[in-house]
Amino acid sequence: MWDRLITIKKHRETRLRRDISQTQEEIRHLVEQVAQLEAQRVEVVRTWQARSQEESVRREEELNDLRRELSGYASEDIRLKKERMRVRTHILGLKQRIHEWNIELRQCLIKQEKLRLLQDEMGDSHVISS
């Protein structure tokens, strides 16, 4: 009986460790994604700044084209900032989940140890009563 309970707890421990490991790997990928988004954003801002510092335009049509182009850079910058924030928020949620799983894992390990102690005690008392 004790062996079955210990096996169940061991299976839960294994599952928790696997979930934690997979989630940590997902976080690593998301951190890389945040870095890529930031690099893209920096490039957009550099292009935006370089384009806005070019020679002045003389015709109204050129001015409108430049405004549209610069507005596009600003929109892309805002989109990248929002995406980066979304990914960071997701990372925080995953870290919280890992924290909760670690608590469950510790509890699982404690229960396994208690079951082993009970198994040892019951095994010893069974030997004594024989």
N, C-alpha and C. Protein backbone atom coordinates (compact mmCIF):
# COMPACT_ATOMS: atom_id res chain seq x y z
N MET A 1 0.83 -1.20 0.00
CA MET A 1 0.00 0.00 0.00
C MET A 1 0.87 1.26 0.00
N TRP A 2 1.87 1.29 0.86
CA TRP A 2 2.74 2.47 0.95
C TRP A 2 3.52 2.67 -0.34
N ASP A 3 3.93 1.55 -0.94
CA ASP A 3 4.68 1.65 -2.20
C ASP A 3 3.84 2.34 -3.28
N ARG A 4 2.56 2.00 -3.33
CA ARG A 4 1.68 2.62 -4.33
C ARG A 4 1.55 4.11 -4.09
N LEU A 5 1.36 4.53 -2.85
CA LEU A 5 1.26 5.96 -2.53
C LEU A 5 2.57 6.69 -2.85
N ILE A 6 3.68 6.07 -2.51
CA ILE A 6 4.98 6.68 -2.80
C ILE A 6 5.16 6.81 -4.31
N THR A 7 4.75 5.80 -5.06
CA THR A 7 4.86 5.83 -6.52
C THR A 7 4.01 6.96 -7.10
N ILE A 8 2.81 7.14 -6.57
CA ILE A 8 1.94 8.23 -7.03
C ILE A 8 2.60 9.58 -6.78
N LYS A 9 3.15 9.75 -5.58
CA LYS A 9 3.83 11.01 -5.26
C LYS A 9 5.07 11.21 -6.11
N LYS A 10 5.79 10.13 -6.39
CA LYS A 10 6.99 10.21 -7.22
C LYS A 10 6.60 10.62 -8.65
N HIS A 11 5.50 10.07 -9.14
CA HIS A 11 5.01 10.44 -10.47
C HIS A 11 4.66 11.93 -10.51
N ARG A 12 4.00 12.41 -9.46
CA ARG A 12 3.66 13.85 -9.39
C ARG A 12 4.94 14.69 -9.37
N GLU A 13 5.92 14.27 -8.60
CA GLU A 13 7.20 14.98 -8.56
C GLU A 13 7.81 15.06 -9.95
N THR A 14 7.82 13.95 -10.65
CA THR A 14 8.40 13.90 -12.00
C THR A 14 7.65 14.85 -12.94
N ARG A 15 6.32 14.84 -12.86
CA ARG A 15 5.52 15.72 -13.71
C ARG A 15 5.79 17.19 -13.40
N LEU A 16 5.86 17.52 -12.12
CA LEU A 16 6.14 18.91 -11.74
C LEU A 16 7.52 19.36 -12.23
N ARG A 17 8.51 18.49 -12.06
CA ARG A 17 9.86 18.83 -12.53
C ARG A 17 9.88 19.03 -14.05
N ARG A 18 9.15 18.18 -14.78
CA ARG A 18 9.09 18.31 -16.23
C ARG A 18 8.41 19.62 -16.62
N ASP A 19 7.28 19.94 -15.98
CA ASP A 19 6.56 21.18 -16.27
C ASP A 19 7.42 22.40 -15.97
N ILE A 20 8.13 22.37 -14.86
CA ILE A 20 9.00 23.49 -14.49
C ILE A 20 10.10 23.65 -15.54
N SER A 21 10.70 22.56 -15.93
CA SER A 21 11.78 22.61 -16.93
C SER A 21 11.28 23.15 -18.27
N GLN A 22 10.13 22.67 -18.72
CA GLN A 22 9.57 23.14 -19.99
C GLN A 22 9.22 24.63 -19.92
N THR A 23 8.69 25.06 -18.81
CA THR A 23 8.31 26.46 -18.66
C THR A 23 9.55 27.35 -18.60
N GLN A 24 10.61 26.88 -17.95
CA GLN A 24 11.86 27.65 -17.93
C GLN A 24 12.42 27.79 -19.34
N GLU A 25 12.31 26.74 -20.14
CA GLU A 25 12.77 26.80 -21.53
C GLU A 25 11.92 27.80 -22.33
N GLU A 26 10.62 27.79 -22.09
CA GLU A 26 9.74 28.76 -22.76
C GLU A 26 10.12 30.19 -22.37
N ILE A 27 10.45 30.40 -21.11
CA ILE A 27 10.85 31.73 -20.66
C ILE A 27 12.13 32.16 -21.37
N ARG A 28 13.09 31.23 -21.52
CA ARG A 28 14.33 31.58 -22.23
C ARG A 28 14.03 32.03 -23.66
N HIS A 29 13.13 31.33 -24.33
CA HIS A 29 12.76 31.71 -25.70
C HIS A 29 12.07 33.08 -25.72
N LEU A 30 11.21 33.32 -24.74
CA LEU A 30 10.51 34.60 -24.68
C LEU A 30 11.47 35.75 -24.39
N VAL A 31 12.46 35.50 -23.56
CA VAL A 31 13.46 36.53 -23.27
C VAL A 31 14.22 36.88 -24.56
N GLU A 32 14.54 35.86 -25.35
CA GLU A 32 15.19 36.10 -26.64
C GLU A 32 14.27 36.91 -27.55
N GLN A 33 12.97 36.60 -27.52
CA GLN A 33 12.01 37.33 -28.34
C GLN A 33 11.96 38.80 -27.93
N VAL A 34 12.00 39.07 -26.62
CA VAL A 34 12.00 40.45 -26.13
C VAL A 34 13.24 41.18 -26.65
N ALA A 35 14.39 40.51 -26.62
CA ALA A 35 15.63 41.12 -27.11
C ALA A 35 15.52 41.43 -28.61
N GLN A 36 14.92 40.52 -29.37
CA GLN A 36 14.75 40.75 -30.81
C GLN A 36 13.80 41.92 -31.07
N LEU A 37 12.72 41.98 -30.29
CA LEU A 37 11.78 43.09 -30.44
C LEU A 37 12.47 44.42 -30.12
N GLU A 38 13.28 44.43 -29.10
CA GLU A 38 13.99 45.65 -28.75
C GLU A 38 14.98 46.05 -29.84
N ALA A 39 15.67 45.07 -30.42
CA ALA A 39 16.59 45.36 -31.51
C ALA A 39 15.84 45.93 -32.72
N GLN A 40 14.69 45.35 -33.04
CA GLN A 40 13.88 45.88 -34.14
C GLN A 40 13.43 47.30 -33.86
N ARG A 41 13.03 47.54 -32.63
CA ARG A 41 12.57 48.87 -32.24
C ARG A 41 13.69 49.90 -32.36
N VAL A 42 14.88 49.52 -31.92
CA VAL A 42 16.03 50.42 -32.02
C VAL A 42 16.31 50.75 -33.48
N GLU A 43 16.22 49.76 -34.34
CA GLU A 43 16.46 49.99 -35.77
C GLU A 43 15.40 50.91 -36.37
N VAL A 44 14.15 50.73 -35.98
CA VAL A 44 13.07 51.61 -36.46
C VAL A 44 13.33 53.04 -36.01
N VAL A 45 13.70 53.21 -34.76
CA VAL A 45 13.94 54.55 -34.23
C VAL A 45 15.13 55.20 -34.94
N ARG A 46 16.19 54.44 -35.18
CA ARG A 46 17.35 54.99 -35.91
C ARG A 46 16.96 55.44 -37.31
N THR A 47 16.20 54.59 -38.00
CA THR A 47 15.76 54.94 -39.35
C THR A 47 14.88 56.18 -39.31
N TRP A 48 13.99 56.21 -38.36
CA TRP A 48 13.07 57.33 -38.18
C TRP A 48 13.87 58.62 -37.95
N GLN A 49 14.83 58.57 -37.04
CA GLN A 49 15.64 59.75 -36.75
C GLN A 49 16.46 60.18 -37.97
N ALA A 50 17.05 59.23 -38.65
CA ALA A 50 17.86 59.56 -39.83
C ALA A 50 17.00 60.19 -40.92
N ARG A 51 15.82 59.61 -41.13
CA ARG A 51 14.94 60.13 -42.18
C ARG A 51 14.42 61.51 -41.81
N SER A 52 14.14 61.75 -40.55
CA SER A 52 13.59 63.05 -40.14
C SER A 52 14.65 64.14 -40.17
N GLN A 53 15.93 63.78 -40.18
CA GLN A 53 16.99 64.78 -40.20
C GLN A 53 17.47 65.10 -41.61
N GLU A 54 16.88 64.45 -42.61
CA GLU A 54 17.29 64.72 -43.98
C GLU A 54 16.92 66.14 -44.36
N GLU A 55 17.38 66.54 -45.51
CA GLU A 55 17.13 67.91 -45.99
C GLU A 55 15.64 68.23 -45.94
N SER A 56 15.40 69.51 -45.81
CA SER A 56 14.00 69.93 -45.75
C SER A 56 13.35 69.76 -47.13
N VAL A 57 12.07 69.58 -47.10
CA VAL A 57 11.32 69.41 -48.33
C VAL A 57 10.73 70.75 -48.75
N ARG A 58 10.56 70.89 -50.04
CA ARG A 58 10.11 72.20 -50.55
C ARG A 58 8.64 72.17 -50.93
N ARG A 59 8.18 71.07 -51.42
CA ARG A 59 6.80 71.04 -51.89
C ARG A 59 5.90 70.42 -50.83
N GLU A 60 4.65 70.82 -50.87
CA GLU A 60 3.68 70.32 -49.90
C GLU A 60 3.48 68.82 -50.05
N GLU A 61 3.50 68.32 -51.28
CA GLU A 61 3.33 66.90 -51.52
C GLU A 61 4.47 66.10 -50.88
N GLU A 62 5.70 66.60 -50.99
CA GLU A 62 6.84 65.94 -50.36
C GLU A 62 6.71 65.96 -48.85
N LEU A 63 6.22 67.05 -48.34
CA LEU A 63 6.01 67.17 -46.89
C LEU A 63 4.98 66.15 -46.40
N ASN A 64 3.89 66.01 -47.11
CA ASN A 64 2.87 65.03 -46.73
C ASN A 64 3.42 63.60 -46.80
N ASP A 65 4.21 63.31 -47.84
CA ASP A 65 4.82 61.98 -47.96
C ASP A 65 5.75 61.71 -46.77
N LEU A 66 6.55 62.71 -46.40
CA LEU A 66 7.47 62.56 -45.29
C LEU A 66 6.70 62.36 -43.98
N ARG A 67 5.63 63.10 -43.80
CA ARG A 67 4.80 62.94 -42.59
C ARG A 67 4.23 61.52 -42.50
N ARG A 68 3.71 61.02 -43.63
CA ARG A 68 3.17 59.66 -43.64
C ARG A 68 4.25 58.64 -43.31
N GLU A 69 5.42 58.83 -43.90
CA GLU A 69 6.52 57.90 -43.65
C GLU A 69 6.93 57.92 -42.18
N LEU A 70 7.08 59.11 -41.64
CA LEU A 70 7.47 59.22 -40.23
C LEU A 70 6.38 58.69 -39.31
N SER A 71 5.14 58.89 -39.68
CA SER A 71 4.02 58.36 -38.90
C SER A 71 4.07 56.83 -38.90
N GLY A 72 4.46 56.25 -40.01
CA GLY A 72 4.60 54.79 -40.09
C GLY A 72 5.67 54.29 -39.14
N TYR A 73 6.78 55.02 -39.06
CA TYR A 73 7.84 54.63 -38.12
C TYR A 73 7.34 54.72 -36.68
N ALA A 74 6.60 55.77 -36.38
CA ALA A 74 6.06 55.94 -35.03
C ALA A 74 5.08 54.81 -34.70
N SER A 75 4.24 54.46 -35.65
CA SER A 75 3.28 53.38 -35.44
C SER A 75 4.00 52.06 -35.19
N GLU A 76 5.04 51.79 -35.97
CA GLU A 76 5.80 50.56 -35.80
C GLU A 76 6.49 50.54 -34.43
N ASP A 77 7.01 51.68 -34.01
CA ASP A 77 7.64 51.77 -32.69
C ASP A 77 6.63 51.45 -31.60
N ILE A 78 5.44 52.00 -31.69
CA ILE A 78 4.40 51.75 -30.69
C ILE A 78 4.00 50.28 -30.70
N ARG A 79 3.86 49.70 -31.89
CA ARG A 79 3.49 48.28 -32.00
C ARG A 79 4.54 47.39 -31.34
N LEU A 80 5.81 47.70 -31.59
CA LEU A 80 6.90 46.90 -31.00
C LEU A 80 6.94 47.05 -29.49
N LYS A 81 6.69 48.25 -28.99
CA LYS A 81 6.64 48.46 -27.53
C LYS A 81 5.52 47.65 -26.90
N LYS A 82 4.34 47.65 -27.53
CA LYS A 82 3.21 46.89 -26.99
C LYS A 82 3.50 45.40 -27.01
N GLU A 83 4.08 44.91 -28.09
CA GLU A 83 4.39 43.49 -28.19
C GLU A 83 5.42 43.10 -27.12
N ARG A 84 6.43 43.94 -26.94
CA ARG A 84 7.44 43.67 -25.92
C ARG A 84 6.81 43.61 -24.53
N MET A 85 5.90 44.53 -24.25
CA MET A 85 5.22 44.56 -22.95
C MET A 85 4.35 43.31 -22.77
N ARG A 86 3.67 42.88 -23.84
CA ARG A 86 2.84 41.69 -23.77
C ARG A 86 3.70 40.46 -23.45
N VAL A 87 4.84 40.34 -24.10
CA VAL A 87 5.72 39.21 -23.87
C VAL A 87 6.28 39.25 -22.45
N ARG A 88 6.66 40.42 -21.99
CA ARG A 88 7.18 40.54 -20.62
C ARG A 88 6.12 40.16 -19.59
N THR A 89 4.89 40.57 -19.83
CA THR A 89 3.79 40.21 -18.92
C THR A 89 3.60 38.69 -18.91
N HIS A 90 3.68 38.08 -20.08
CA HIS A 90 3.57 36.61 -20.18
C HIS A 90 4.70 35.94 -19.40
N ILE A 91 5.90 36.47 -19.51
CA ILE A 91 7.06 35.93 -18.78
C ILE A 91 6.81 35.99 -17.27
N LEU A 92 6.28 37.12 -16.80
CA LEU A 92 6.00 37.25 -15.36
C LEU A 92 4.97 36.21 -14.91
N GLY A 93 3.96 35.97 -15.74
CA GLY A 93 2.96 34.95 -15.41
C GLY A 93 3.59 33.56 -15.33
N LEU A 94 4.48 33.27 -16.26
CA LEU A 94 5.16 31.97 -16.26
C LEU A 94 6.06 31.82 -15.03
N LYS A 95 6.74 32.89 -14.66
CA LYS A 95 7.60 32.83 -13.47
C LYS A 95 6.75 32.59 -12.21
N GLN A 96 5.58 33.20 -12.17
CA GLN A 96 4.68 32.97 -11.02
C GLN A 96 4.24 31.52 -10.99
N ARG A 97 3.92 30.97 -12.16
CA ARG A 97 3.51 29.56 -12.24
C ARG A 97 4.64 28.65 -11.76
N ILE A 98 5.87 28.93 -12.15
CA ILE A 98 7.02 28.13 -11.70
C ILE A 98 7.14 28.21 -10.18
N HIS A 99 6.96 29.40 -9.63
CA HIS A 99 7.03 29.58 -8.18
C HIS A 99 5.99 28.68 -7.49
N GLU A 100 4.77 28.69 -8.01
CA GLU A 100 3.71 27.86 -7.42
C GLU A 100 4.04 26.37 -7.56
N TRP A 101 4.57 25.98 -8.71
CA TRP A 101 4.94 24.57 -8.91
C TRP A 101 6.07 24.16 -7.96
N ASN A 102 7.00 25.07 -7.71
CA ASN A 102 8.09 24.75 -6.78
C ASN A 102 7.55 24.52 -5.37
N ILE A 103 6.54 25.29 -4.99
CA ILE A 103 5.90 25.09 -3.69
C ILE A 103 5.24 23.71 -3.66
N GLU A 104 4.50 23.37 -4.73
CA GLU A 104 3.87 22.05 -4.81
C GLU A 104 4.91 20.94 -4.77
N LEU A 105 6.02 21.16 -5.47
CA LEU A 105 7.08 20.16 -5.52
C LEU A 105 7.65 19.92 -4.12
N ARG A 106 7.92 20.98 -3.39
CA ARG A 106 8.43 20.83 -2.02
C ARG A 106 7.44 20.05 -1.15
N GLN A 107 6.15 20.38 -1.28
CA GLN A 107 5.13 19.67 -0.51
C GLN A 107 5.09 18.19 -0.91
N CYS A 108 5.23 17.93 -2.18
CA CYS A 108 5.23 16.55 -2.68
C CYS A 108 6.41 15.77 -2.11
N LEU A 109 7.57 16.39 -2.09
CA LEU A 109 8.76 15.74 -1.54
C LEU A 109 8.61 15.46 -0.05
N ILE A 110 8.01 16.40 0.66
CA ILE A 110 7.78 16.21 2.10
C ILE A 110 6.82 15.04 2.32
N LYS A 111 5.75 14.98 1.51
CA LYS A 111 4.79 13.87 1.65
C LYS A 111 5.44 12.54 1.32
N GLN A 112 6.29 12.53 0.31
CA GLN A 112 6.99 11.28 -0.03
C GLN A 112 7.84 10.81 1.15
N GLU A 113 8.55 11.74 1.76
CA GLU A 113 9.41 11.39 2.89
C GLU A 113 8.58 10.87 4.06
N LYS A 114 7.44 11.52 4.32
CA LYS A 114 6.56 11.05 5.40
C LYS A 114 6.05 9.64 5.10
N LEU A 115 5.67 9.41 3.84
CA LEU A 115 5.19 8.07 3.48
C LEU A 115 6.29 7.03 3.63
N ARG A 116 7.52 7.37 3.28
CA ARG A 116 8.63 6.44 3.46
C ARG A 116 8.86 6.12 4.94
N LEU A 117 8.77 7.17 5.76
CA LEU A 117 8.92 6.96 7.21
C LEU A 117 7.81 6.06 7.74
N LEU A 118 6.58 6.32 7.30
CA LEU A 118 5.46 5.47 7.72
C LEU A 118 5.67 4.04 7.24
N GLN A 119 6.14 3.90 6.02
CA GLN A 119 6.40 2.58 5.46
C GLN A 119 7.45 1.86 6.29
N ASP A 120 8.51 2.58 6.65
CA ASP A 120 9.56 1.98 7.48
C ASP A 120 9.02 1.59 8.85
N GLU A 121 8.22 2.47 9.47
CA GLU A 121 7.64 2.17 10.77
C GLU A 121 6.72 0.97 10.70
N MET A 122 5.87 0.94 9.68
CA MET A 122 4.93 -0.17 9.54
C MET A 122 5.68 -1.46 9.22
N GLY A 123 6.73 -1.35 8.43
CA GLY A 123 7.54 -2.53 8.12
C GLY A 123 8.21 -3.06 9.36
N ASP A 124 8.74 -2.16 10.22
CA ASP A 124 9.40 -2.56 11.46
C ASP A 124 8.39 -3.18 12.43
N SER A 125 7.20 -2.58 12.54
CA SER A 125 6.22 -3.12 13.48
C SER A 125 5.68 -4.45 12.99
N HIS A 126 5.61 -4.62 11.67
CA HIS A 126 5.15 -5.89 11.11
C HIS A 126 6.18 -6.98 11.41
N VAL A 127 7.44 -6.65 11.34
CA VAL A 127 8.49 -7.62 11.66
C VAL A 127 8.45 -7.98 13.13
N ILE A 128 8.23 -6.98 13.99
CA ILE A 128 8.20 -7.20 15.43
C ILE A 128 7.01 -8.09 15.82
N SER A 129 5.85 -7.85 15.21
CA SER A 129 4.66 -8.61 15.57
C SER A 129 4.72 -10.05 15.05
N SER A 130 5.57 -10.33 14.10
CA SER A 130 5.66 -11.70 13.55
C SER A 130 6.34 -12.64 14.45
